[in-house]
PDB file of N, CA and C in Angstrom:
ATOM      1  N   MET A   1     -94.298 204.850  84.325  1.00  0.00           N
ATOM      2  CA  MET A   1     -93.771 204.948  85.675  1.00  0.00           C
ATOM      3  C   MET A   1     -94.237 206.261  86.292  1.00  0.00           C
ATOM      4  N   ALA A   2     -94.761 206.175  87.477  1.00  0.00           N
ATOM      5  CA  ALA A   2     -95.275 207.359  88.162  1.00  0.00           C
ATOM      6  C   ALA A   2     -94.125 208.215  88.678  1.00  0.00           C
ATOM      7  N   LYS A   3     -94.364 209.504  88.715  1.00  0.00           N
ATOM      8  CA  LYS A   3     -93.353 210.427  89.220  1.00  0.00           C
ATOM      9  C   LYS A   3     -93.304 210.318  90.737  1.00  0.00           C
ATOM     10  N   LEU A   4     -92.103 210.140  91.291  1.00  0.00           N
ATOM     11  CA  LEU A   4     -91.942 209.984  92.730  1.00  0.00           C
ATOM     12  C   LEU A   4     -91.796 211.345  93.399  1.00  0.00           C
ATOM     13  N   SER A   5     -92.298 211.443  94.621  1.00  0.00           N
ATOM     14  CA  SER A   5     -92.105 212.668  95.390  1.00  0.00           C
ATOM     15  C   SER A   5     -90.656 212.752  95.847  1.00  0.00           C
ATOM     16  N   LEU A   6     -90.236 213.925  96.259  1.00  0.00           N
ATOM     17  CA  LEU A   6     -88.870 214.090  96.745  1.00  0.00           C
ATOM     18  C   LEU A   6     -88.608 213.183  97.947  1.00  0.00           C
ATOM     19  N   PHE A   7     -89.620 213.037  98.820  1.00  0.00           N
ATOM     20  CA  PHE A   7     -89.503 212.160  99.984  1.00  0.00           C
ATOM     21  C   PHE A   7     -89.229 210.727  99.540  1.00  0.00           C
ATOM     22  N   ASP A   8     -89.995 210.233  98.570  1.00  0.00           N
ATOM     23  CA  ASP A   8     -89.825 208.854  98.100  1.00  0.00           C
ATOM     24  C   ASP A   8     -88.481 208.651  97.414  1.00  0.00           C
ATOM     25  N   ARG A   9     -88.014 209.665  96.691  1.00  0.00           N
ATOM     26  CA  ARG A   9     -86.702 209.565  96.060  1.00  0.00           C
ATOM     27  C   ARG A   9     -85.594 209.499  97.109  1.00  0.00           C
ATOM     28  N   ARG A  10     -85.704 210.316  98.162  1.00  0.00           N
ATOM     29  CA  ARG A  10     -84.714 210.267  99.241  1.00  0.00           C
ATOM     30  C   ARG A  10     -84.754 208.913  99.931  1.00  0.00           C
ATOM     31  N   ARG A  11     -85.967 208.401 100.176  1.00  0.00           N
ATOM     32  CA  ARG A  11     -86.107 207.104 100.845  1.00  0.00           C
ATOM     33  C   ARG A  11     -85.434 206.002 100.035  1.00  0.00           C
ATOM     34  N   GLN A  12     -85.642 205.975  98.729  1.00  0.00           N
ATOM     35  CA  GLN A  12     -85.007 204.961  97.879  1.00  0.00           C
ATOM     36  C   GLN A  12     -83.487 205.100  97.896  1.00  0.00           C
ATOM     37  N   ARG A  13     -83.002 206.326  97.842  1.00  0.00           N
ATOM     38  CA  ARG A  13     -81.559 206.573  97.839  1.00  0.00           C
ATOM     39  C   ARG A  13     -80.924 206.112  99.148  1.00  0.00           C
ATOM     40  N   VAL A  14     -81.578 206.425 100.267  1.00  0.00           N
ATOM     41  CA  VAL A  14     -81.069 206.021 101.581  1.00  0.00           C
ATOM     42  C   VAL A  14     -81.091 204.497 101.712  1.00  0.00           C
ATOM     43  N   ARG A  15     -82.177 203.870 101.293  1.00  0.00           N
ATOM     44  CA  ARG A  15     -82.311 202.423 101.423  1.00  0.00           C
ATOM     45  C   ARG A  15     -81.284 201.682 100.586  1.00  0.00           C
ATOM     46  N   SER A  16     -80.993 202.166  99.368  1.00  0.00           N
ATOM     47  CA  SER A  16     -79.997 201.485  98.540  1.00  0.00           C
ATOM     48  C   SER A  16     -78.599 201.656  99.134  1.00  0.00           C
ATOM     49  N   ALA A  17     -78.318 202.799  99.716  1.00  0.00           N
ATOM     50  CA  ALA A  17     -77.020 202.998 100.372  1.00  0.00           C
ATOM     51  C   ALA A  17     -76.887 202.089 101.588  1.00  0.00           C
ATOM     52  N   LEU A  18     -77.984 201.887 102.319  1.00  0.00           N
ATOM     53  CA  LEU A  18     -77.957 201.000 103.483  1.00  0.00           C
ATOM     54  C   LEU A  18     -77.671 199.560 103.068  1.00  0.00           C
ATOM     55  N   ARG A  19     -78.293 199.122 101.981  1.00  0.00           N
ATOM     56  CA  ARG A  19     -78.060 197.762 101.517  1.00  0.00           C
ATOM     57  C   ARG A  19     -76.594 197.556 101.171  1.00  0.00           C
ATOM     58  N   ALA A  20     -75.951 198.581 100.633  1.00  0.00           N
ATOM     59  CA  ALA A  20     -74.554 198.468 100.223  1.00  0.00           C
ATOM     60  C   ALA A  20     -73.612 198.375 101.421  1.00  0.00           C
ATOM     61  N   GLN A  21     -73.905 199.039 102.523  1.00  0.00           N
ATOM     62  CA  GLN A  21     -72.988 199.088 103.663  1.00  0.00           C
ATOM     63  C   GLN A  21     -73.393 198.213 104.842  1.00  0.00           C
ATOM     64  N   LYS A  22     -74.503 197.545 104.785  1.00  0.00           N
ATOM     65  CA  LYS A  22     -75.102 196.894 105.937  1.00  0.00           C
ATOM     66  C   LYS A  22     -74.173 195.927 106.675  1.00  0.00           C
ATOM     67  N   GLY A  23     -73.727 194.880 106.062  1.00  0.00           N
ATOM     68  CA  GLY A  23     -72.780 193.971 106.691  1.00  0.00           C
ATOM     69  C   GLY A  23     -73.330 193.215 107.889  1.00  0.00           C
ATOM     70  N   GLY A  24     -74.614 192.854 107.909  1.00  0.00           N
ATOM     71  CA  GLY A  24     -75.180 192.049 108.972  1.00  0.00           C
ATOM     72  C   GLY A  24     -75.592 192.804 110.227  1.00  0.00           C
ATOM     73  N   ARG A  25     -75.456 194.115 110.221  1.00  0.00           N
ATOM     74  CA  ARG A  25     -75.848 194.886 111.402  1.00  0.00           C
ATOM     75  C   ARG A  25     -77.341 195.185 111.367  1.00  0.00           C
ATOM     76  N   PRO A  26     -77.982 195.292 112.534  1.00  0.00           N
ATOM     77  CA  PRO A  26     -79.391 195.677 112.559  1.00  0.00           C
ATOM     78  C   PRO A  26     -79.557 197.135 112.121  1.00  0.00           C
ATOM     79  N   ARG A  27     -80.784 197.486 111.770  1.00  0.00           N
ATOM     80  CA  ARG A  27     -81.092 198.802 111.231  1.00  0.00           C
ATOM     81  C   ARG A  27     -81.885 199.604 112.249  1.00  0.00           C
ATOM     82  N   LEU A  28     -81.447 200.838 112.512  1.00  0.00           N
ATOM     83  CA  LEU A  28     -82.183 201.756 113.379  1.00  0.00           C
ATOM     84  C   LEU A  28     -83.052 202.610 112.456  1.00  0.00           C
ATOM     85  N   SER A  29     -84.342 202.325 112.447  1.00  0.00           N
ATOM     86  CA  SER A  29     -85.284 202.995 111.559  1.00  0.00           C
ATOM     87  C   SER A  29     -86.022 204.085 112.316  1.00  0.00           C
ATOM     88  N   VAL A  30     -86.122 205.277 111.714  1.00  0.00           N
ATOM     89  CA  VAL A  30     -86.768 206.424 112.354  1.00  0.00           C
ATOM     90  C   VAL A  30     -87.961 206.854 111.525  1.00  0.00           C
ATOM     91  N   HIS A  31     -89.075 207.125 112.192  1.00  0.00           N
ATOM     92  CA  HIS A  31     -90.251 207.706 111.543  1.00  0.00           C
ATOM     93  C   HIS A  31     -90.676 208.932 112.339  1.00  0.00           C
ATOM     94  N   ARG A  32     -90.904 210.014 111.623  1.00  0.00           N
ATOM     95  CA  ARG A  32     -91.277 211.277 112.252  1.00  0.00           C
ATOM     96  C   ARG A  32     -92.626 211.693 111.694  1.00  0.00           C
ATOM     97  N   SER A  33     -93.593 211.876 112.573  1.00  0.00           N
ATOM     98  CA  SER A  33     -94.896 212.379 112.142  1.00  0.00           C
ATOM     99  C   SER A  33     -95.058 213.798 112.670  1.00  0.00           C
ATOM    100  N   GLY A  34     -96.179 214.394 112.418  1.00  0.00           N
ATOM    101  CA  GLY A  34     -96.422 215.745 112.887  1.00  0.00           C
ATOM    102  C   GLY A  34     -96.556 215.839 114.388  1.00  0.00           C
ATOM    103  N   ARG A  35     -96.946 214.746 115.040  1.00  0.00           N
ATOM    104  CA  ARG A  35     -97.178 214.766 116.484  1.00  0.00           C
ATOM    105  C   ARG A  35     -96.180 213.979 117.311  1.00  0.00           C
ATOM    106  N   HIS A  36     -95.535 212.985 116.710  1.00  0.00           N
ATOM    107  CA  HIS A  36     -94.659 212.101 117.477  1.00  0.00           C
ATOM    108  C   HIS A  36     -93.446 211.685 116.657  1.00  0.00           C
ATOM    109  N   ILE A  37     -92.510 211.013 117.322  1.00  0.00           N
ATOM    110  CA  ILE A  37     -91.352 210.418 116.652  1.00  0.00           C
ATOM    111  C   ILE A  37     -91.214 208.983 117.154  1.00  0.00           C
ATOM    112  N   TYR A  38     -90.901 208.090 116.233  1.00  0.00           N
ATOM    113  CA  TYR A  38     -90.820 206.663 116.531  1.00  0.00           C
ATOM    114  C   TYR A  38     -89.475 206.139 116.038  1.00  0.00           C
ATOM    115  N   ALA A  39     -88.902 205.189 116.752  1.00  0.00           N
ATOM    116  CA  ALA A  39     -87.653 204.570 116.329  1.00  0.00           C
ATOM    117  C   ALA A  39     -87.673 203.101 116.727  1.00  0.00           C
ATOM    118  N   GLN A  40     -87.088 202.276 115.872  1.00  0.00           N
ATOM    119  CA  GLN A  40     -86.989 200.859 116.207  1.00  0.00           C
ATOM    120  C   GLN A  40     -85.724 200.278 115.599  1.00  0.00           C
ATOM    121  N   ILE A  41     -85.208 199.261 116.251  1.00  0.00           N
ATOM    122  CA  ILE A  41     -84.040 198.544 115.751  1.00  0.00           C
ATOM    123  C   ILE A  41     -84.539 197.223 115.201  1.00  0.00           C
ATOM    124  N   ILE A  42     -84.268 197.001 113.916  1.00  0.00           N
ATOM    125  CA  ILE A  42     -84.838 195.872 113.189  1.00  0.00           C
ATOM    126  C   ILE A  42     -83.724 194.961 112.691  1.00  0.00           C
ATOM    127  N   ASP A  43     -83.884 193.665 112.925  1.00  0.00           N
ATOM    128  CA  ASP A  43     -82.990 192.662 112.351  1.00  0.00           C
ATOM    129  C   ASP A  43     -83.658 192.169 111.070  1.00  0.00           C
ATOM    130  N   ASP A  44     -83.202 192.669 109.925  1.00  0.00           N
ATOM    131  CA  ASP A  44     -83.846 192.329 108.657  1.00  0.00           C
ATOM    132  C   ASP A  44     -83.646 190.874 108.271  1.00  0.00           C
ATOM    133  N   ALA A  45     -82.536 190.278 108.689  1.00  0.00           N
ATOM    134  CA  ALA A  45     -82.285 188.874 108.351  1.00  0.00           C
ATOM    135  C   ALA A  45     -83.308 187.970 109.022  1.00  0.00           C
ATOM    136  N   ALA A  46     -83.611 188.247 110.299  1.00  0.00           N
ATOM    137  CA  ALA A  46     -84.585 187.435 111.032  1.00  0.00           C
ATOM    138  C   ALA A  46     -86.000 187.964 110.852  1.00  0.00           C
ATOM    139  N   GLY A  47     -86.136 189.217 110.394  1.00  0.00           N
ATOM    140  CA  GLY A  47     -87.462 189.791 110.180  1.00  0.00           C
ATOM    141  C   GLY A  47     -88.164 190.130 111.479  1.00  0.00           C
ATOM    142  N   ARG A  48     -87.417 190.630 112.476  1.00  0.00           N
ATOM    143  CA  ARG A  48     -88.068 190.962 113.736  1.00  0.00           C
ATOM    144  C   ARG A  48     -87.480 192.231 114.339  1.00  0.00           C
ATOM    145  N   THR A  49     -88.280 192.858 115.181  1.00  0.00           N
ATOM    146  CA  THR A  49     -87.876 194.078 115.857  1.00  0.00           C
ATOM    147  C   THR A  49     -87.185 193.719 117.164  1.00  0.00           C
ATOM    148  N   LEU A  50     -85.986 194.251 117.375  1.00  0.00           N
ATOM    149  CA  LEU A  50     -85.210 193.948 118.571  1.00  0.00           C
ATOM    150  C   LEU A  50     -85.509 194.924 119.705  1.00  0.00           C
ATOM    151  N   ALA A  51     -85.749 196.189 119.370  1.00  0.00           N
ATOM    152  CA  ALA A  51     -86.043 197.210 120.377  1.00  0.00           C
ATOM    153  C   ALA A  51     -86.808 198.338 119.705  1.00  0.00           C
ATOM    154  N   SER A  52     -87.677 198.987 120.477  1.00  0.00           N
ATOM    155  CA  SER A  52     -88.415 200.117 119.920  1.00  0.00           C
ATOM    156  C   SER A  52     -88.693 201.133 121.014  1.00  0.00           C
ATOM    157  N   ALA A  53     -88.884 202.374 120.582  1.00  0.00           N
ATOM    158  CA  ALA A  53     -89.225 203.455 121.498  1.00  0.00           C
ATOM    159  C   ALA A  53     -89.955 204.532 120.705  1.00  0.00           C
ATOM    160  N   SER A  54     -90.822 205.264 121.392  1.00  0.00           N
ATOM    161  CA  SER A  54     -91.521 206.357 120.729  1.00  0.00           C
ATOM    162  C   SER A  54     -91.946 207.387 121.750  1.00  0.00           C
ATOM    163  N   SER A  55     -92.282 208.567 121.256  1.00  0.00           N
ATOM    164  CA  SER A  55     -92.765 209.621 122.140  1.00  0.00           C
ATOM    165  C   SER A  55     -94.216 209.376 122.525  1.00  0.00           C
ATOM    166  N   LEU A  56     -94.825 208.362 121.946  1.00  0.00           N
ATOM    167  CA  LEU A  56     -96.216 208.017 122.223  1.00  0.00           C
ATOM    168  C   LEU A  56     -96.343 207.048 123.399  1.00  0.00           C
ATOM    169  N   ALA A  57     -95.242 206.431 123.809  1.00  0.00           N
ATOM    170  CA  ALA A  57     -95.256 205.388 124.831  1.00  0.00           C
ATOM    171  C   ALA A  57     -95.735 205.916 126.183  1.00  0.00           C
ATOM    172  N   LYS A  58     -96.261 205.007 126.987  1.00  0.00           N
ATOM    173  CA  LYS A  58     -96.688 205.387 128.337  1.00  0.00           C
ATOM    174  C   LYS A  58     -95.493 205.866 129.138  1.00  0.00           C
ATOM    175  N   GLY A  59     -95.717 206.834 129.987  1.00  0.00           N
ATOM    176  CA  GLY A  59     -94.639 207.370 130.790  1.00  0.00           C
ATOM    177  C   GLY A  59     -93.884 208.479 130.083  1.00  0.00           C
ATOM    178  N   SER A  60     -94.229 208.725 128.814  1.00  0.00           N
ATOM    179  CA  SER A  60     -93.597 209.798 128.064  1.00  0.00           C
ATOM    180  C   SER A  60     -94.176 211.123 128.548  1.00  0.00           C
ATOM    181  N   LYS A  61     -93.299 212.058 128.839  1.00  0.00           N
ATOM    182  CA  LYS A  61     -93.751 213.325 129.400  1.00  0.00           C
ATOM    183  C   LYS A  61     -93.682 214.410 128.344  1.00  0.00           C
ATOM    184  N   GLY A  62     -94.670 215.280 128.322  1.00  0.00           N
ATOM    185  CA  GLY A  62     -94.658 216.429 127.439  1.00  0.00           C
ATOM    186  C   GLY A  62     -95.073 216.097 126.019  1.00  0.00           C
ATOM    187  N   PRO A  63     -95.057 217.104 125.154  1.00  0.00           N
ATOM    188  CA  PRO A  63     -95.455 216.891 123.761  1.00  0.00           C
ATOM    189  C   PRO A  63     -94.457 216.015 123.016  1.00  0.00           C
ATOM    190  N   GLY A  64     -94.928 215.319 121.996  1.00  0.00           N
ATOM    191  CA  GLY A  64     -94.088 214.365 121.295  1.00  0.00           C
ATOM    192  C   GLY A  64     -93.431 214.900 120.048  1.00  0.00           C
ATOM    193  N   ALA A  65     -93.747 216.117 119.630  1.00  0.00           N
ATOM    194  CA  ALA A  65     -93.214 216.648 118.377  1.00  0.00           C
ATOM    195  C   ALA A  65     -92.133 217.688 118.637  1.00  0.00           C
ATOM    196  N   THR A  66     -91.280 217.445 119.629  1.00  0.00           N
ATOM    197  CA  THR A  66     -90.225 218.393 119.958  1.00  0.00           C
ATOM    198  C   THR A  66     -88.863 217.714 119.921  1.00  0.00           C
ATOM    199  N   VAL A  67     -87.828 218.525 119.882  1.00  0.00           N
ATOM    200  CA  VAL A  67     -86.467 217.998 119.911  1.00  0.00           C
ATOM    201  C   VAL A  67     -86.215 217.297 121.249  1.00  0.00           C
ATOM    202  N   ASP A  68     -86.771 217.828 122.331  1.00  0.00           N
ATOM    203  CA  ASP A  68     -86.603 217.188 123.641  1.00  0.00           C
ATOM    204  C   ASP A  68     -87.197 215.786 123.656  1.00  0.00           C
ATOM    205  N   ALA A  69     -88.348 215.614 123.025  1.00  0.00           N
ATOM    206  CA  ALA A  69     -88.967 214.291 122.943  1.00  0.00           C
ATOM    207  C   ALA A  69     -88.087 213.345 122.133  1.00  0.00           C
ATOM    208  N   ALA A  70     -87.495 213.848 121.063  1.00  0.00           N
ATOM    209  CA  ALA A  70     -86.616 213.016 120.234  1.00  0.00           C
ATOM    210  C   ALA A  70     -85.384 212.571 121.018  1.00  0.00           C
ATOM    211  N   VAL A  71     -84.858 213.451 121.854  1.00  0.00           N
ATOM    212  CA  VAL A  71     -83.701 213.095 122.690  1.00  0.00           C
ATOM    213  C   VAL A  71     -84.095 211.997 123.671  1.00  0.00           C
ATOM    214  N   ARG A  72     -85.264 212.126 124.297  1.00  0.00           N
ATOM    215  CA  ARG A  72     -85.736 211.089 125.228  1.00  0.00           C
ATOM    216  C   ARG A  72     -85.893 209.753 124.519  1.00  0.00           C
ATOM    217  N   VAL A  73     -86.463 209.765 123.313  1.00  0.00           N
ATOM    218  CA  VAL A  73     -86.664 208.527 122.556  1.00  0.00           C
ATOM    219  C   VAL A  73     -85.322 207.904 122.185  1.00  0.00           C
ATOM    220  N   GLY A  74     -84.360 208.713 121.783  1.00  0.00           N
ATOM    221  CA  GLY A  74     -83.035 208.199 121.429  1.00  0.00           C
ATOM    222  C   GLY A  74     -82.342 207.527 122.600  1.00  0.00           C
ATOM    223  N   LYS A  75     -82.404 208.160 123.766  1.00  0.00           N
ATOM    224  CA  LYS A  75     -81.780 207.572 124.961  1.00  0.00           C
ATOM    225  C   LYS A  75     -82.474 206.275 125.359  1.00  0.00           C
ATOM    226  N   GLU A  76     -83.806 206.294 125.335  1.00  0.00           N
ATOM    227  CA  GLU A  76     -84.579 205.100 125.710  1.00  0.00           C
ATOM    228  C   GLU A  76     -84.295 203.949 124.750  1.00  0.00           C
ATOM    229  N   LEU A  77     -84.214 204.244 123.456  1.00  0.00           N
ATOM    230  CA  LEU A  77     -83.947 203.200 122.473  1.00  0.00           C
ATOM    231  C   LEU A  77     -82.556 202.598 122.672  1.00  0.00           C
ATOM    232  N   ALA A  78     -81.574 203.440 122.953  1.00  0.00           N
ATOM    233  CA  ALA A  78     -80.207 202.947 123.165  1.00  0.00           C
ATOM    234  C   ALA A  78     -80.148 202.038 124.387  1.00  0.00           C
ATOM    235  N   GLU A  79     -80.860 202.395 125.450  1.00  0.00           N
ATOM    236  CA  GLU A  79     -80.888 201.545 126.649  1.00  0.00           C
ATOM    237  C   GLU A  79     -81.525 200.193 126.342  1.00  0.00           C
ATOM    238  N   LYS A  80     -82.649 200.205 125.623  1.00  0.00           N
ATOM    239  CA  LYS A  80     -83.318 198.951 125.271  1.00  0.00           C
ATOM    240  C   LYS A  80     -82.452 198.103 124.343  1.00  0.00           C
ATOM    241  N   ALA A  81     -81.732 198.754 123.443  1.00  0.00           N
ATOM    242  CA  ALA A  81     -80.858 198.026 122.523  1.00  0.00           C
ATOM    243  C   ALA A  81     -79.728 197.339 123.275  1.00  0.00           C
ATOM    244  N   GLN A  82     -79.142 198.015 124.241  1.00  0.00           N
ATOM    245  CA  GLN A  82     -78.065 197.414 125.018  1.00  0.00           C
ATOM    246  C   GLN A  82     -78.577 196.234 125.841  1.00  0.00           C
ATOM    247  N   GLN A  83     -79.805 196.327 126.343  1.00  0.00           N
ATOM    248  CA  GLN A  83     -80.400 195.194 127.057  1.00  0.00           C
ATOM    249  C   GLN A  83     -80.599 194.008 126.122  1.00  0.00           C
ATOM    250  N   ALA A  84     -80.875 194.288 124.830  1.00  0.00           N
ATOM    251  CA  ALA A  84     -81.075 193.226 123.848  1.00  0.00           C
ATOM    252  C   ALA A  84     -79.753 192.738 123.265  1.00  0.00           C
ATOM    253  N   GLY A  85     -78.630 193.353 123.675  1.00  0.00           N
ATOM    254  CA  GLY A  85     -77.326 192.917 123.215  1.00  0.00           C
ATOM    255  C   GLY A  85     -76.876 193.551 121.905  1.00  0.00           C
ATOM    256  N   VAL A  86     -77.466 194.674 121.534  1.00  0.00           N
ATOM    257  CA  VAL A  86     -77.114 195.355 120.290  1.00  0.00           C
ATOM    258  C   VAL A  86     -76.263 196.572 120.621  1.00  0.00           C
ATOM    259  N   THR A  87     -75.095 196.681 119.977  1.00  0.00           N
ATOM    260  CA  THR A  87     -74.242 197.845 120.212  1.00  0.00           C
ATOM    261  C   THR A  87     -73.985 198.645 118.943  1.00  0.00           C
ATOM    262  N   THR A  88     -73.964 197.989 117.781  1.00  0.00           N
ATOM    263  CA  THR A  88     -73.750 198.702 116.518  1.00  0.00           C
ATOM    264  C   THR A  88     -74.953 198.517 115.608  1.00  0.00           C
ATOM    265  N   VAL A  89     -75.332 199.591 114.940  1.00  0.00           N
ATOM    266  CA  VAL A  89     -76.484 199.579 114.038  1.00  0.00           C
ATOM    267  C   VAL A  89     -76.147 200.381 112.782  1.00  0.00           C
ATOM    268  N   VAL A  90     -77.050 200.310 111.812  1.00  0.00           N
ATOM    269  CA  VAL A  90     -77.004 201.152 110.624  1.00  0.00           C
ATOM    270  C   VAL A  90     -78.177 202.112 110.747  1.00  0.00           C
ATOM    271  N   PHE A  91     -77.934 203.418 110.586  1.00  0.00           N
ATOM    272  CA  PHE A  91     -78.975 204.420 110.783  1.00  0.00           C
ATOM    273  C   PHE A  91     -79.789 204.593 109.503  1.00  0.00           C
ATOM    274  N   ASP A  92     -81.083 204.346 109.584  1.00  0.00           N
ATOM    275  CA  ASP A  92     -82.008 204.491 108.458  1.00  0.00           C
ATOM    276  C   ASP A  92     -82.943 205.654 108.754  1.00  0.00           C
ATOM    277  N   ARG A  93     -82.671 206.788 108.147  1.00  0.00           N
ATOM    278  CA  ARG A  93     -83.503 207.966 108.383  1.00  0.00           C
ATOM    279  C   ARG A  93     -84.714 207.987 107.471  1.00  0.00           C
ATOM    280  N   GLY A  94     -84.868 206.978 106.625  1.00  0.00           N
ATOM    281  CA  GLY A  94     -85.978 206.948 105.693  1.00  0.00           C
ATOM    282  C   GLY A  94     -85.841 208.091 104.709  1.00  0.00           C
ATOM    283  N   GLY A  95     -86.918 208.775 104.440  1.00  0.00           N
ATOM    284  CA  GLY A  95     -86.868 209.924 103.537  1.00  0.00           C
ATOM    285  C   GLY A  95     -86.751 211.233 104.276  1.00  0.00           C
ATOM    286  N   PHE A  96     -86.544 211.171 105.586  1.00  0.00           N
ATOM    287  CA  PHE A  96     -86.485 212.390 106.398  1.00  0.00           C
ATOM    288  C   PHE A  96     -85.101 213.008 106.339  1.00  0.00           C
ATOM    289  N   LEU A  97     -85.042 214.320 106.304  1.00  0.00           N
ATOM    290  CA  LEU A  97     -83.769 215.021 106.296  1.00  0.00           C
ATOM    291  C   LEU A  97     -83.093 214.868 107.650  1.00  0.00           C
ATOM    292  N   PHE A  98     -81.770 214.827 107.652  1.00  0.00           N
ATOM    293  CA  PHE A  98     -81.018 214.632 108.895  1.00  0.00           C
ATOM    294  C   PHE A  98     -80.788 215.978 109.567  1.00  0.00           C
ATOM    295  N   HIS A  99     -81.822 216.501 110.189  1.00  0.00           N
ATOM    296  CA  HIS A  99     -81.713 217.705 111.002  1.00  0.00           C
ATOM    297  C   HIS A  99     -82.912 217.754 111.922  1.00  0.00           C
ATOM    298  N   GLY A 100     -82.879 218.630 112.892  1.00  0.00           N
ATOM    299  CA  GLY A 100     -83.997 218.760 113.815  1.00  0.00           C
ATOM    300  C   GLY A 100     -84.184 217.541 114.685  1.00  0.00           C
ATOM    301  N   ARG A 101     -85.412 217.005 114.684  1.00  0.00           N
ATOM    302  CA  ARG A 101     -85.745 215.883 115.559  1.00  0.00           C
ATOM    303  C   ARG A 101     -85.004 214.605 115.198  1.00  0.00           C
ATOM    304  N   VAL A 102     -84.800 214.358 113.905  1.00  0.00           N
ATOM    305  CA  VAL A 102     -84.098 213.139 113.485  1.00  0.00           C
ATOM    306  C   VAL A 102     -82.641 213.182 113.950  1.00  0.00           C
ATOM    307  N   LYS A 103     -81.999 214.333 113.788  1.00  0.00           N
ATOM    308  CA  LYS A 103     -80.613 214.499 114.229  1.00  0.00           C
ATOM    309  C   LYS A 103     -80.513 214.410 115.746  1.00  0.00           C
ATOM    310  N   ALA A 104     -81.465 214.999 116.464  1.00  0.00           N
ATOM    311  CA  ALA A 104     -81.456 214.957 117.927  1.00  0.00           C
ATOM    312  C   ALA A 104     -81.580 213.523 118.423  1.00  0.00           C
ATOM    313  N   LEU A 105     -82.445 212.728 117.798  1.00  0.00           N
ATOM    314  CA  LEU A 105     -82.605 211.322 118.177  1.00  0.00           C
ATOM    315  C   LEU A 105     -81.298 210.565 117.934  1.00  0.00           C
ATOM    316  N   ALA A 106     -80.673 210.780 116.781  1.00  0.00           N
ATOM    317  CA  ALA A 106     -79.430 210.079 116.459  1.00  0.00           C
ATOM    318  C   ALA A 106     -78.310 210.455 117.424  1.00  0.00           C
ATOM    319  N   ASP A 107     -78.173 211.735 117.713  1.00  0.00           N
ATOM    320  CA  ASP A 107     -77.121 212.183 118.636  1.00  0.00           C
ATOM    321  C   ASP A 107     -77.328 211.612 120.038  1.00  0.00           C
ATOM    322  N   ALA A 108     -78.578 211.590 120.501  1.00  0.00           N
ATOM    323  CA  ALA A 108     -78.876 211.057 121.837  1.00  0.00           C
ATOM    324  C   ALA A 108     -78.581 209.557 121.895  1.00  0.00           C
ATOM    325  N   ALA A 109     -78.911 208.830 120.824  1.00  0.00           N
ATOM    326  CA  ALA A 109     -78.642 207.391 120.789  1.00  0.00           C
ATOM    327  C   ALA A 109     -77.137 207.126 120.810  1.00  0.00           C
ATOM    328  N   ARG A 110     -76.384 207.961 120.097  1.00  0.00           N
ATOM    329  CA  ARG A 110     -74.916 207.811 120.099  1.00  0.00           C
ATOM    330  C   ARG A 110     -74.346 208.075 121.486  1.00  0.00           C
ATOM    331  N   GLU A 111     -74.818 209.137 122.131  1.00  0.00           N
ATOM    332  CA  GLU A 111     -74.323 209.474 123.462  1.00  0.00           C
ATOM    333  C   GLU A 111     -74.650 208.384 124.467  1.00  0.00           C
ATOM    334  N   ALA A 112     -75.778 207.700 124.274  1.00  0.00           N
ATOM    335  CA  ALA A 112     -76.187 206.656 125.205  1.00  0.00           C
ATOM    336  C   ALA A 112     -75.533 205.313 124.921  1.00  0.00           C
ATOM    337  N   GLY A 113     -74.678 205.241 123.883  1.00  0.00           N
ATOM    338  CA  GLY A 113     -73.909 204.023 123.694  1.00  0.00           C
ATOM    339  C   GLY A 113     -74.056 203.295 122.375  1.00  0.00           C
ATOM    340  N   LEU A 114     -74.996 203.667 121.513  1.00  0.00           N
ATOM    341  CA  LEU A 114     -75.113 203.005 120.220  1.00  0.00           C
ATOM    342  C   LEU A 114     -74.040 203.529 119.281  1.00  0.00           C
ATOM    343  N   GLU A 115     -73.517 202.650 118.440  1.00  0.00           N
ATOM    344  CA  GLU A 115     -72.497 203.055 117.472  1.00  0.00           C
ATOM    345  C   GLU A 115     -73.065 202.963 116.070  1.00  0.00           C
ATOM    346  N   PHE A 116     -72.950 204.064 115.327  1.00  0.00           N
ATOM    347  CA  PHE A 116     -73.302 204.103 113.892  1.00  0.00           C
ATOM    348  C   PHE A 116     -72.699 205.316 113.243  1.00  0.00           C
TER     349      PHE A 116
END
């Protein structure tokens, strides 16, 4: 068995905890790269994406690797989710630590109406 990186170990730990608490709710998945941040709401039962937003999208202003960009993405995702009829989700941070841009996105999504 290959030795896993700390990121991969965190990702496995987060994913197993999500499976335990899921209860039929869609998953808000976050990916953070060096230049941008991406988020999508996924219905795993149906295997489809219900809503998505990123700092790479057209109309996005300013650099994508900032806390301000993460706040914009969180608000935009929450608006799209409400249009799709989604109000409660399970937050999947992947292997990313819950601080900085990931935390800013989550807080903005909560303020805009998503519950998790």
